[in-house]
Amino acid sequence: MLALPAPAYAGPRQPRDLRELAHQHGIRIGTAVDIAALRDEADYRKVL
């Protein structure tokens, strides 16, 4: 049993969001920021 390859489902699951994707791949995933939207739009700020 220990010698058998791991089943397909044992690999990393699909990430839930881009930050988790970045963590899985060991890179930085970023975006350019609109500063007015950062200040004035709560939904924009939350996603960012």
ModelCIF file with pLDDT and N, C-alpha, C, O atoms, coordinates in Angstrom:
data_MODEL
#
_entry.id   MODEL 
#
_entity.id                         1 
_entity.type                       polymer 
_entity.pdbx_number_of_molecules   1 
#
_entity_poly.entity_id                      1 
_entity_poly.type                           'polypeptide(L)' 
_entity_poly.nstd_linkage                   no 
_entity_poly.nstd_monomer                   no 
_entity_poly.pdbx_seq_one_letter_code       MLALPAPAYAGPRQPRDLRELAHQHGIRIGTAVDIAALRDEADYRKVL 
_entity_poly.pdbx_seq_one_letter_code_can   MLALPAPAYAGPRQPRDLRELAHQHGIRIGTAVDIAALRDEADYRKVL 
_entity_poly.pdbx_strand_id                 A 
#
loop_
_entity_poly_seq.entity_id 
_entity_poly_seq.num 
_entity_poly_seq.mon_id 
_entity_poly_seq.hetero 
1 1  MET n 
1 2  LEU n 
1 3  ALA n 
1 4  LEU n 
1 5  PRO n 
1 6  ALA n 
1 7  PRO n 
1 8  ALA n 
1 9  TYR n 
1 10 ALA n 
1 11 GLY n 
1 12 PRO n 
1 13 ARG n 
1 14 GLN n 
1 15 PRO n 
1 16 ARG n 
1 17 ASP n 
1 18 LEU n 
1 19 ARG n 
1 20 GLU n 
1 21 LEU n 
1 22 ALA n 
1 23 HIS n 
1 24 GLN n 
1 25 HIS n 
1 26 GLY n 
1 27 ILE n 
1 28 ARG n 
1 29 ILE n 
1 30 GLY n 
1 31 THR n 
1 32 ALA n 
1 33 VAL n 
1 34 ASP n 
1 35 ILE n 
1 36 ALA n 
1 37 ALA n 
1 38 LEU n 
1 39 ARG n 
1 40 ASP n 
1 41 GLU n 
1 42 ALA n 
1 43 ASP n 
1 44 TYR n 
1 45 ARG n 
1 46 LYS n 
1 47 VAL n 
1 48 LEU n 
#
_struct_asym.id          A 
_struct_asym.entity_id   1 
#
loop_
_ma_qa_metric.id 
_ma_qa_metric.mode 
_ma_qa_metric.name 
_ma_qa_metric.software_group_id 
_ma_qa_metric.type 
1 global pLDDT . pLDDT 
2 local  pLDDT . pLDDT 
#
_ma_qa_metric_global.metric_id      1 
_ma_qa_metric_global.metric_value   83.54 
_ma_qa_metric_global.model_id       1 
_ma_qa_metric_global.ordinal_id     1 
#
loop_
_ma_qa_metric_local.label_asym_id 
_ma_qa_metric_local.label_comp_id 
_ma_qa_metric_local.label_seq_id 
_ma_qa_metric_local.metric_id 
_ma_qa_metric_local.metric_value 
_ma_qa_metric_local.model_id 
_ma_qa_metric_local.ordinal_id 
A MET 1  2 37.00 1 1  
A LEU 2  2 37.00 1 2  
A ALA 3  2 39.00 1 3  
A LEU 4  2 37.00 1 4  
A PRO 5  2 40.00 1 5  
A ALA 6  2 40.00 1 6  
A PRO 7  2 40.00 1 7  
A ALA 8  2 39.00 1 8  
A TYR 9  2 39.00 1 9  
A ALA 10 2 44.00 1 10 
A GLY 11 2 55.00 1 11 
A PRO 12 2 67.00 1 12 
A ARG 13 2 83.00 1 13 
A GLN 14 2 91.00 1 14 
A PRO 15 2 96.00 1 15 
A ARG 16 2 96.00 1 16 
A ASP 17 2 98.00 1 17 
A LEU 18 2 98.00 1 18 
A ARG 19 2 98.00 1 19 
A GLU 20 2 97.00 1 20 
A LEU 21 2 98.00 1 21 
A ALA 22 2 98.00 1 22 
A HIS 23 2 97.00 1 23 
A GLN 24 2 96.00 1 24 
A HIS 25 2 96.00 1 25 
A GLY 26 2 97.00 1 26 
A ILE 27 2 98.00 1 27 
A ARG 28 2 98.00 1 28 
A ILE 29 2 98.00 1 29 
A GLY 30 2 98.00 1 30 
A THR 31 2 99.00 1 31 
A ALA 32 2 98.00 1 32 
A VAL 33 2 98.00 1 33 
A ASP 34 2 98.00 1 34 
A ILE 35 2 98.00 1 35 
A ALA 36 2 98.00 1 36 
A ALA 37 2 98.00 1 37 
A LEU 38 2 98.00 1 38 
A ARG 39 2 98.00 1 39 
A ASP 40 2 98.00 1 40 
A GLU 41 2 98.00 1 41 
A ALA 42 2 98.00 1 42 
A ASP 43 2 98.00 1 43 
A TYR 44 2 98.00 1 44 
A ARG 45 2 98.00 1 45 
A LYS 46 2 98.00 1 46 
A VAL 47 2 98.00 1 47 
A LEU 48 2 98.00 1 48 
#
loop_
_atom_site.group_PDB 
_atom_site.id 
_atom_site.type_symbol 
_atom_site.label_atom_id 
_atom_site.label_alt_id 
_atom_site.label_comp_id 
_atom_site.label_asym_id 
_atom_site.label_entity_id 
_atom_site.label_seq_id 
_atom_site.pdbx_PDB_ins_code 
_atom_site.Cartn_x 
_atom_site.Cartn_y 
_atom_site.Cartn_z 
_atom_site.occupancy 
_atom_site.B_iso_or_equiv 
_atom_site.pdbx_formal_charge 
_atom_site.auth_seq_id 
_atom_site.auth_comp_id 
_atom_site.auth_asym_id 
_atom_site.auth_atom_id 
_atom_site.pdbx_PDB_model_num 
ATOM 1   N N  . MET A 1 1  ? 0.827   -1.206 0.000   1.00 37.00 ? 1  MET A N  1 
ATOM 2   C CA . MET A 1 1  ? 0.000   0.000  0.000   1.00 37.00 ? 1  MET A CA 1 
ATOM 3   C C  . MET A 1 1  ? 0.861   1.255  0.000   1.00 37.00 ? 1  MET A C  1 
ATOM 4   O O  . MET A 1 1  ? 0.559   2.217  -0.706  1.00 37.00 ? 1  MET A O  1 
ATOM 5   N N  . LEU A 1 2  ? 1.936   1.251  0.790   1.00 37.00 ? 2  LEU A N  1 
ATOM 6   C CA . LEU A 1 2  ? 2.807   2.419  0.866   1.00 37.00 ? 2  LEU A CA 1 
ATOM 7   C C  . LEU A 1 2  ? 3.562   2.635  -0.437  1.00 37.00 ? 2  LEU A C  1 
ATOM 8   O O  . LEU A 1 2  ? 3.931   3.763  -0.765  1.00 37.00 ? 2  LEU A O  1 
ATOM 9   N N  . ALA A 1 3  ? 3.788   1.572  -1.169  1.00 39.00 ? 3  ALA A N  1 
ATOM 10  C CA . ALA A 1 3  ? 4.539   1.678  -2.414  1.00 39.00 ? 3  ALA A CA 1 
ATOM 11  C C  . ALA A 1 3  ? 3.692   2.191  -3.569  1.00 39.00 ? 3  ALA A C  1 
ATOM 12  O O  . ALA A 1 3  ? 4.229   2.657  -4.574  1.00 39.00 ? 3  ALA A O  1 
ATOM 13  N N  . LEU A 1 4  ? 2.373   2.110  -3.431  1.00 37.00 ? 4  LEU A N  1 
ATOM 14  C CA . LEU A 1 4  ? 1.493   2.538  -4.514  1.00 37.00 ? 4  LEU A CA 1 
ATOM 15  C C  . LEU A 1 4  ? 1.518   4.052  -4.656  1.00 37.00 ? 4  LEU A C  1 
ATOM 16  O O  . LEU A 1 4  ? 1.691   4.761  -3.664  1.00 37.00 ? 4  LEU A O  1 
ATOM 17  N N  . PRO A 1 5  ? 1.347   4.566  -5.887  1.00 40.00 ? 5  PRO A N  1 
ATOM 18  C CA . PRO A 1 5  ? 1.254   6.021  -6.064  1.00 40.00 ? 5  PRO A CA 1 
ATOM 19  C C  . PRO A 1 5  ? 0.011   6.567  -5.397  1.00 40.00 ? 5  PRO A C  1 
ATOM 20  O O  . PRO A 1 5  ? -1.008  5.887  -5.286  1.00 40.00 ? 5  PRO A O  1 
ATOM 21  N N  . ALA A 1 6  ? 0.116   7.819  -4.952  1.00 40.00 ? 6  ALA A N  1 
ATOM 22  C CA . ALA A 1 6  ? -1.028  8.455  -4.294  1.00 40.00 ? 6  ALA A CA 1 
ATOM 23  C C  . ALA A 1 6  ? -2.161  8.620  -5.291  1.00 40.00 ? 6  ALA A C  1 
ATOM 24  O O  . ALA A 1 6  ? -1.905  8.914  -6.459  1.00 40.00 ? 6  ALA A O  1 
ATOM 25  N N  . PRO A 1 7  ? -3.412  8.438  -4.867  1.00 40.00 ? 7  PRO A N  1 
ATOM 26  C CA . PRO A 1 7  ? -4.537  8.653  -5.778  1.00 40.00 ? 7  PRO A CA 1 
ATOM 27  C C  . PRO A 1 7  ? -4.611  10.091 -6.219  1.00 40.00 ? 7  PRO A C  1 
ATOM 28  O O  . PRO A 1 7  ? -4.056  10.971 -5.561  1.00 40.00 ? 7  PRO A O  1 
ATOM 29  N N  . ALA A 1 8  ? -5.289  10.348 -7.327  1.00 39.00 ? 8  ALA A N  1 
ATOM 30  C CA . ALA A 1 8  ? -5.332  11.689 -7.918  1.00 39.00 ? 8  ALA A CA 1 
ATOM 31  C C  . ALA A 1 8  ? -5.869  12.726 -6.955  1.00 39.00 ? 8  ALA A C  1 
ATOM 32  O O  . ALA A 1 8  ? -5.407  13.867 -6.958  1.00 39.00 ? 8  ALA A O  1 
ATOM 33  N N  . TYR A 1 9  ? -6.830  12.355 -6.136  1.00 39.00 ? 9  TYR A N  1 
ATOM 34  C CA . TYR A 1 9  ? -7.440  13.328 -5.240  1.00 39.00 ? 9  TYR A CA 1 
ATOM 35  C C  . TYR A 1 9  ? -6.530  13.750 -4.103  1.00 39.00 ? 9  TYR A C  1 
ATOM 36  O O  . TYR A 1 9  ? -6.854  14.678 -3.362  1.00 39.00 ? 9  TYR A O  1 
ATOM 37  N N  . ALA A 1 10 ? -5.363  13.062 -3.952  1.00 44.00 ? 10 ALA A N  1 
ATOM 38  C CA . ALA A 1 10 ? -4.466  13.402 -2.852  1.00 44.00 ? 10 ALA A CA 1 
ATOM 39  C C  . ALA A 1 10 ? -3.615  14.628 -3.146  1.00 44.00 ? 10 ALA A C  1 
ATOM 40  O O  . ALA A 1 10 ? -2.950  15.132 -2.240  1.00 44.00 ? 10 ALA A O  1 
ATOM 41  N N  . GLY A 1 11 ? -3.610  15.128 -4.385  1.00 55.00 ? 11 GLY A N  1 
ATOM 42  C CA . GLY A 1 11 ? -2.825  16.305 -4.734  1.00 55.00 ? 11 GLY A CA 1 
ATOM 43  C C  . GLY A 1 11 ? -3.432  17.566 -4.169  1.00 55.00 ? 11 GLY A C  1 
ATOM 44  O O  . GLY A 1 11 ? -4.492  17.522 -3.545  1.00 55.00 ? 11 GLY A O  1 
ATOM 45  N N  . PRO A 1 12 ? -2.770  18.699 -4.380  1.00 67.00 ? 12 PRO A N  1 
ATOM 46  C CA . PRO A 1 12 ? -3.293  19.967 -3.876  1.00 67.00 ? 12 PRO A CA 1 
ATOM 47  C C  . PRO A 1 12 ? -4.663  20.266 -4.478  1.00 67.00 ? 12 PRO A C  1 
ATOM 48  O O  . PRO A 1 12 ? -4.860  20.118 -5.684  1.00 67.00 ? 12 PRO A O  1 
ATOM 49  N N  . ARG A 1 13 ? -5.586  20.676 -3.660  1.00 83.00 ? 13 ARG A N  1 
ATOM 50  C CA . ARG A 1 13 ? -6.915  21.025 -4.173  1.00 83.00 ? 13 ARG A CA 1 
ATOM 51  C C  . ARG A 1 13 ? -6.845  22.354 -4.897  1.00 83.00 ? 13 ARG A C  1 
ATOM 52  O O  . ARG A 1 13 ? -5.903  23.124 -4.710  1.00 83.00 ? 13 ARG A O  1 
ATOM 53  N N  . GLN A 1 14 ? -7.844  22.619 -5.723  1.00 91.00 ? 14 GLN A N  1 
ATOM 54  C CA . GLN A 1 14 ? -7.879  23.892 -6.438  1.00 91.00 ? 14 GLN A CA 1 
ATOM 55  C C  . GLN A 1 14 ? -8.034  25.027 -5.435  1.00 91.00 ? 14 GLN A C  1 
ATOM 56  O O  . GLN A 1 14 ? -8.895  24.955 -4.558  1.00 91.00 ? 14 GLN A O  1 
ATOM 57  N N  . PRO A 1 15 ? -7.228  26.063 -5.546  1.00 96.00 ? 15 PRO A N  1 
ATOM 58  C CA . PRO A 1 15 ? -7.293  27.164 -4.574  1.00 96.00 ? 15 PRO A CA 1 
ATOM 59  C C  . PRO A 1 15 ? -8.625  27.897 -4.641  1.00 96.00 ? 15 PRO A C  1 
ATOM 60  O O  . PRO A 1 15 ? -9.295  27.909 -5.674  1.00 96.00 ? 15 PRO A O  1 
ATOM 61  N N  . ARG A 1 16 ? -8.991  28.500 -3.531  1.00 96.00 ? 16 ARG A N  1 
ATOM 62  C CA . ARG A 1 16 ? -10.266 29.219 -3.455  1.00 96.00 ? 16 ARG A CA 1 
ATOM 63  C C  . ARG A 1 16 ? -10.178 30.624 -4.027  1.00 96.00 ? 16 ARG A C  1 
ATOM 64  O O  . ARG A 1 16 ? -11.190 31.190 -4.442  1.00 96.00 ? 16 ARG A O  1 
ATOM 65  N N  . ASP A 1 17 ? -8.961  31.201 -4.054  1.00 98.00 ? 17 ASP A N  1 
ATOM 66  C CA . ASP A 1 17 ? -8.801  32.576 -4.512  1.00 98.00 ? 17 ASP A CA 1 
ATOM 67  C C  . ASP A 1 17 ? -7.364  32.781 -4.973  1.00 98.00 ? 17 ASP A C  1 
ATOM 68  O O  . ASP A 1 17 ? -6.542  31.867 -4.904  1.00 98.00 ? 17 ASP A O  1 
ATOM 69  N N  . LEU A 1 18 ? -7.071  33.989 -5.445  1.00 98.00 ? 18 LEU A N  1 
ATOM 70  C CA . LEU A 1 18 ? -5.748  34.254 -6.016  1.00 98.00 ? 18 LEU A CA 1 
ATOM 71  C C  . LEU A 1 18 ? -4.650  34.251 -4.962  1.00 98.00 ? 18 LEU A C  1 
ATOM 72  O O  . LEU A 1 18 ? -3.521  33.846 -5.242  1.00 98.00 ? 18 LEU A O  1 
ATOM 73  N N  . ARG A 1 19 ? -4.965  34.692 -3.773  1.00 98.00 ? 19 ARG A N  1 
ATOM 74  C CA . ARG A 1 19 ? -3.941  34.683 -2.723  1.00 98.00 ? 19 ARG A CA 1 
ATOM 75  C C  . ARG A 1 19 ? -3.537  33.252 -2.370  1.00 98.00 ? 19 ARG A C  1 
ATOM 76  O O  . ARG A 1 19 ? -2.362  32.969 -2.137  1.00 98.00 ? 19 ARG A O  1 
ATOM 77  N N  . GLU A 1 20 ? -4.513  32.363 -2.333  1.00 97.00 ? 20 GLU A N  1 
ATOM 78  C CA . GLU A 1 20 ? -4.198  30.958 -2.072  1.00 97.00 ? 20 GLU A CA 1 
ATOM 79  C C  . GLU A 1 20 ? -3.459  30.341 -3.262  1.00 97.00 ? 20 GLU A C  1 
ATOM 80  O O  . GLU A 1 20 ? -2.577  29.501 -3.079  1.00 97.00 ? 20 GLU A O  1 
ATOM 81  N N  . LEU A 1 21 ? -3.814  30.752 -4.463  1.00 98.00 ? 21 LEU A N  1 
ATOM 82  C CA . LEU A 1 21 ? -3.093  30.311 -5.655  1.00 98.00 ? 21 LEU A CA 1 
ATOM 83  C C  . LEU A 1 21 ? -1.623  30.723 -5.574  1.00 98.00 ? 21 LEU A C  1 
ATOM 84  O O  . LEU A 1 21 ? -0.732  29.926 -5.865  1.00 98.00 ? 21 LEU A O  1 
ATOM 85  N N  . ALA A 1 22 ? -1.380  31.956 -5.181  1.00 98.00 ? 22 ALA A N  1 
ATOM 86  C CA . ALA A 1 22 ? -0.011  32.445 -5.036  1.00 98.00 ? 22 ALA A CA 1 
ATOM 87  C C  . ALA A 1 22 ? 0.758   31.610 -4.020  1.00 98.00 ? 22 ALA A C  1 
ATOM 88  O O  . ALA A 1 22 ? 1.924   31.278 -4.234  1.00 98.00 ? 22 ALA A O  1 
ATOM 89  N N  . HIS A 1 23 ? 0.107   31.275 -2.921  1.00 97.00 ? 23 HIS A N  1 
ATOM 90  C CA . HIS A 1 23 ? 0.757   30.473 -1.885  1.00 97.00 ? 23 HIS A CA 1 
ATOM 91  C C  . HIS A 1 23 ? 1.115   29.085 -2.418  1.00 97.00 ? 23 HIS A C  1 
ATOM 92  O O  . HIS A 1 23 ? 2.212   28.584 -2.173  1.00 97.00 ? 23 HIS A O  1 
ATOM 93  N N  . GLN A 1 24 ? 0.185   28.470 -3.147  1.00 96.00 ? 24 GLN A N  1 
ATOM 94  C CA . GLN A 1 24 ? 0.448   27.127 -3.683  1.00 96.00 ? 24 GLN A CA 1 
ATOM 95  C C  . GLN A 1 24 ? 1.634   27.129 -4.640  1.00 96.00 ? 24 GLN A C  1 
ATOM 96  O O  . GLN A 1 24 ? 2.432   26.191 -4.649  1.00 96.00 ? 24 GLN A O  1 
ATOM 97  N N  . HIS A 1 25 ? 1.749   28.186 -5.449  1.00 96.00 ? 25 HIS A N  1 
ATOM 98  C CA . HIS A 1 25 ? 2.808   28.237 -6.452  1.00 96.00 ? 25 HIS A CA 1 
ATOM 99  C C  . HIS A 1 25 ? 4.102   28.864 -5.922  1.00 96.00 ? 25 HIS A C  1 
ATOM 100 O O  . HIS A 1 25 ? 5.138   28.795 -6.583  1.00 96.00 ? 25 HIS A O  1 
ATOM 101 N N  . GLY A 1 26 ? 4.047   29.468 -4.750  1.00 97.00 ? 26 GLY A N  1 
ATOM 102 C CA . GLY A 1 26 ? 5.239   30.096 -4.197  1.00 97.00 ? 26 GLY A CA 1 
ATOM 103 C C  . GLY A 1 26 ? 5.652   31.348 -4.937  1.00 97.00 ? 26 GLY A C  1 
ATOM 104 O O  . GLY A 1 26 ? 6.843   31.643 -5.036  1.00 97.00 ? 26 GLY A O  1 
ATOM 105 N N  . ILE A 1 27 ? 4.669   32.105 -5.468  1.00 98.00 ? 27 ILE A N  1 
ATOM 106 C CA . ILE A 1 27 ? 4.957   33.364 -6.157  1.00 98.00 ? 27 ILE A CA 1 
ATOM 107 C C  . ILE A 1 27 ? 4.095   34.469 -5.552  1.00 98.00 ? 27 ILE A C  1 
ATOM 108 O O  . ILE A 1 27 ? 3.289   34.233 -4.652  1.00 98.00 ? 27 ILE A O  1 
ATOM 109 N N  . ARG A 1 28 ? 4.286   35.677 -6.070  1.00 98.00 ? 28 ARG A N  1 
ATOM 110 C CA . ARG A 1 28 ? 3.450   36.809 -5.680  1.00 98.00 ? 28 ARG A CA 1 
ATOM 111 C C  . ARG A 1 28 ? 2.479   37.090 -6.812  1.00 98.00 ? 28 ARG A C  1 
ATOM 112 O O  . ARG A 1 28 ? 2.880   37.196 -7.971  1.00 98.00 ? 28 ARG A O  1 
ATOM 113 N N  . ILE A 1 29 ? 1.209   37.209 -6.479  1.00 98.00 ? 29 ILE A N  1 
ATOM 114 C CA . ILE A 1 29 ? 0.190   37.560 -7.465  1.00 98.00 ? 29 ILE A CA 1 
ATOM 115 C C  . ILE A 1 29 ? -0.365  38.918 -7.072  1.00 98.00 ? 29 ILE A C  1 
ATOM 116 O O  . ILE A 1 29 ? -0.901  39.095 -5.978  1.00 98.00 ? 29 ILE A O  1 
ATOM 117 N N  . GLY A 1 30 ? -0.225  39.877 -7.988  1.00 98.00 ? 30 GLY A N  1 
ATOM 118 C CA . GLY A 1 30 ? -0.534  41.256 -7.638  1.00 98.00 ? 30 GLY A CA 1 
ATOM 119 C C  . GLY A 1 30 ? -1.436  41.939 -8.628  1.00 98.00 ? 30 GLY A C  1 
ATOM 120 O O  . GLY A 1 30 ? -1.873  41.354 -9.620  1.00 98.00 ? 30 GLY A O  1 
ATOM 121 N N  . THR A 1 31 ? -1.708  43.209 -8.330  1.00 99.00 ? 31 THR A N  1 
ATOM 122 C CA . THR A 1 31 ? -2.521  44.046 -9.199  1.00 99.00 ? 31 THR A CA 1 
ATOM 123 C C  . THR A 1 31 ? -2.081  45.492 -9.062  1.00 99.00 ? 31 THR A C  1 
ATOM 124 O O  . THR A 1 31 ? -1.556  45.912 -8.031  1.00 99.00 ? 31 THR A O  1 
ATOM 125 N N  . ALA A 1 32 ? -2.313  46.251 -10.147 1.00 98.00 ? 32 ALA A N  1 
ATOM 126 C CA . ALA A 1 32 ? -2.204  47.701 -10.046 1.00 98.00 ? 32 ALA A CA 1 
ATOM 127 C C  . ALA A 1 32 ? -3.415  48.215 -9.275  1.00 98.00 ? 32 ALA A C  1 
ATOM 128 O O  . ALA A 1 32 ? -4.506  47.651 -9.361  1.00 98.00 ? 32 ALA A O  1 
ATOM 129 N N  . VAL A 1 33 ? -3.210  49.289 -8.524  1.00 98.00 ? 33 VAL A N  1 
ATOM 130 C CA . VAL A 1 33 ? -4.250  49.811 -7.640  1.00 98.00 ? 33 VAL A CA 1 
ATOM 131 C C  . VAL A 1 33 ? -4.652  51.216 -8.064  1.00 98.00 ? 33 VAL A C  1 
ATOM 132 O O  . VAL A 1 33 ? -3.812  52.103 -8.218  1.00 98.00 ? 33 VAL A O  1 
ATOM 133 N N  . ASP A 1 34 ? -5.953  51.397 -8.250  1.00 98.00 ? 34 ASP A N  1 
ATOM 134 C CA . ASP A 1 34 ? -6.541  52.711 -8.471  1.00 98.00 ? 34 ASP A CA 1 
ATOM 135 C C  . ASP A 1 34 ? -6.740  53.347 -7.093  1.00 98.00 ? 34 ASP A C  1 
ATOM 136 O O  . ASP A 1 34 ? -7.551  52.870 -6.300  1.00 98.00 ? 34 ASP A O  1 
ATOM 137 N N  . ILE A 1 35 ? -6.004  54.416 -6.813  1.00 98.00 ? 35 ILE A N  1 
ATOM 138 C CA . ILE A 1 35 ? -5.991  54.946 -5.452  1.00 98.00 ? 35 ILE A CA 1 
ATOM 139 C C  . ILE A 1 35 ? -7.336  55.553 -5.053  1.00 98.00 ? 35 ILE A C  1 
ATOM 140 O O  . ILE A 1 35 ? -7.718  55.470 -3.886  1.00 98.00 ? 35 ILE A O  1 
ATOM 141 N N  . ALA A 1 36 ? -8.063  56.163 -5.997  1.00 98.00 ? 36 ALA A N  1 
ATOM 142 C CA . ALA A 1 36 ? -9.379  56.716 -5.677  1.00 98.00 ? 36 ALA A CA 1 
ATOM 143 C C  . ALA A 1 36 ? -10.350 55.600 -5.322  1.00 98.00 ? 36 ALA A C  1 
ATOM 144 O O  . ALA A 1 36 ? -11.136 55.734 -4.384  1.00 98.00 ? 36 ALA A O  1 
ATOM 145 N N  . ALA A 1 37 ? -10.302 54.511 -6.057  1.00 98.00 ? 37 ALA A N  1 
ATOM 146 C CA . ALA A 1 37 ? -11.171 53.377 -5.753  1.00 98.00 ? 37 ALA A CA 1 
ATOM 147 C C  . ALA A 1 37 ? -10.807 52.759 -4.406  1.00 98.00 ? 37 ALA A C  1 
ATOM 148 O O  . ALA A 1 37 ? -11.686 52.344 -3.652  1.00 98.00 ? 37 ALA A O  1 
ATOM 149 N N  . LEU A 1 38 ? -9.509  52.699 -4.106  1.00 98.00 ? 38 LEU A N  1 
ATOM 150 C CA . LEU A 1 38 ? -9.074  52.171 -2.819  1.00 98.00 ? 38 LEU A CA 1 
ATOM 151 C C  . LEU A 1 38 ? -9.686  52.978 -1.680  1.00 98.00 ? 38 LEU A C  1 
ATOM 152 O O  . LEU A 1 38 ? -10.101 52.415 -0.667  1.00 98.00 ? 38 LEU A O  1 
ATOM 153 N N  . ARG A 1 39 ? -9.740  54.280 -1.847  1.00 98.00 ? 39 ARG A N  1 
ATOM 154 C CA . ARG A 1 39 ? -10.273 55.145 -0.789  1.00 98.00 ? 39 ARG A CA 1 
ATOM 155 C C  . ARG A 1 39 ? -11.799 55.112 -0.713  1.00 98.00 ? 39 ARG A C  1 
ATOM 156 O O  . ARG A 1 39 ? -12.375 55.108 0.375   1.00 98.00 ? 39 ARG A O  1 
ATOM 157 N N  . ASP A 1 40 ? -12.446 55.088 -1.882  1.00 98.00 ? 40 ASP A N  1 
ATOM 158 C CA . ASP A 1 40 ? -13.873 55.406 -1.924  1.00 98.00 ? 40 ASP A CA 1 
ATOM 159 C C  . ASP A 1 40 ? -14.810 54.222 -2.124  1.00 98.00 ? 40 ASP A C  1 
ATOM 160 O O  . ASP A 1 40 ? -16.013 54.353 -1.904  1.00 98.00 ? 40 ASP A O  1 
ATOM 161 N N  . GLU A 1 41 ? -14.287 53.065 -2.538  1.00 98.00 ? 41 GLU A N  1 
ATOM 162 C CA . GLU A 1 41 ? -15.165 51.954 -2.904  1.00 98.00 ? 41 GLU A CA 1 
ATOM 163 C C  . GLU A 1 41 ? -14.879 50.751 -2.012  1.00 98.00 ? 41 GLU A C  1 
ATOM 164 O O  . GLU A 1 41 ? -13.856 50.083 -2.161  1.00 98.00 ? 41 GLU A O  1 
ATOM 165 N N  . ALA A 1 42 ? -15.788 50.488 -1.091  1.00 98.00 ? 42 ALA A N  1 
ATOM 166 C CA . ALA A 1 42 ? -15.578 49.410 -0.120  1.00 98.00 ? 42 ALA A CA 1 
ATOM 167 C C  . ALA A 1 42 ? -15.506 48.044 -0.803  1.00 98.00 ? 42 ALA A C  1 
ATOM 168 O O  . ALA A 1 42 ? -14.725 47.191 -0.383  1.00 98.00 ? 42 ALA A O  1 
ATOM 169 N N  . ASP A 1 43 ? -16.308 47.822 -1.851  1.00 98.00 ? 43 ASP A N  1 
ATOM 170 C CA . ASP A 1 43 ? -16.286 46.523 -2.509  1.00 98.00 ? 43 ASP A CA 1 
ATOM 171 C C  . ASP A 1 43 ? -14.967 46.311 -3.262  1.00 98.00 ? 43 ASP A C  1 
ATOM 172 O O  . ASP A 1 43 ? -14.422 45.208 -3.269  1.00 98.00 ? 43 ASP A O  1 
ATOM 173 N N  . TYR A 1 44 ? -14.466 47.361 -3.887  1.00 98.00 ? 44 TYR A N  1 
ATOM 174 C CA . TYR A 1 44 ? -13.157 47.296 -4.550  1.00 98.00 ? 44 TYR A CA 1 
ATOM 175 C C  . TYR A 1 44 ? -12.072 46.967 -3.527  1.00 98.00 ? 44 TYR A C  1 
ATOM 176 O O  . TYR A 1 44 ? -11.246 46.081 -3.747  1.00 98.00 ? 44 TYR A O  1 
ATOM 177 N N  . ARG A 1 45 ? -12.082 47.680 -2.420  1.00 98.00 ? 45 ARG A N  1 
ATOM 178 C CA . ARG A 1 45 ? -11.066 47.510 -1.377  1.00 98.00 ? 45 ARG A CA 1 
ATOM 179 C C  . ARG A 1 45 ? -11.112 46.087 -0.800  1.00 98.00 ? 45 ARG A C  1 
ATOM 180 O O  . ARG A 1 45 ? -10.068 45.494 -0.528  1.00 98.00 ? 45 ARG A O  1 
ATOM 181 N N  . LYS A 1 46 ? -12.303 45.550 -0.616  1.00 98.00 ? 46 LYS A N  1 
ATOM 182 C CA . LYS A 1 46 ? -12.444 44.212 -0.057  1.00 98.00 ? 46 LYS A CA 1 
ATOM 183 C C  . LYS A 1 46 ? -11.831 43.160 -0.979  1.00 98.00 ? 46 LYS A C  1 
ATOM 184 O O  . LYS A 1 46 ? -11.098 42.283 -0.523  1.00 98.00 ? 46 LYS A O  1 
ATOM 185 N N  . VAL A 1 47 ? -12.131 43.249 -2.272  1.00 98.00 ? 47 VAL A N  1 
ATOM 186 C CA . VAL A 1 47 ? -11.583 42.286 -3.228  1.00 98.00 ? 47 VAL A CA 1 
ATOM 187 C C  . VAL A 1 47 ? -10.063 42.433 -3.314  1.00 98.00 ? 47 VAL A C  1 
ATOM 188 O O  . VAL A 1 47 ? -9.341  41.436 -3.292  1.00 98.00 ? 47 VAL A O  1 
ATOM 189 N N  . LEU A 1 48 ? -9.581  43.663 -3.413  1.00 98.00 ? 48 LEU A N  1 
ATOM 190 C CA . LEU A 1 48 ? -8.147  43.917 -3.488  1.00 98.00 ? 48 LEU A CA 1 
ATOM 191 C C  . LEU A 1 48 ? -7.408  43.259 -2.335  1.00 98.00 ? 48 LEU A C  1 
ATOM 192 O O  . LEU A 1 48 ? -6.186  43.371 -2.240  1.00 98.00 ? 48 LEU A O  1 
#
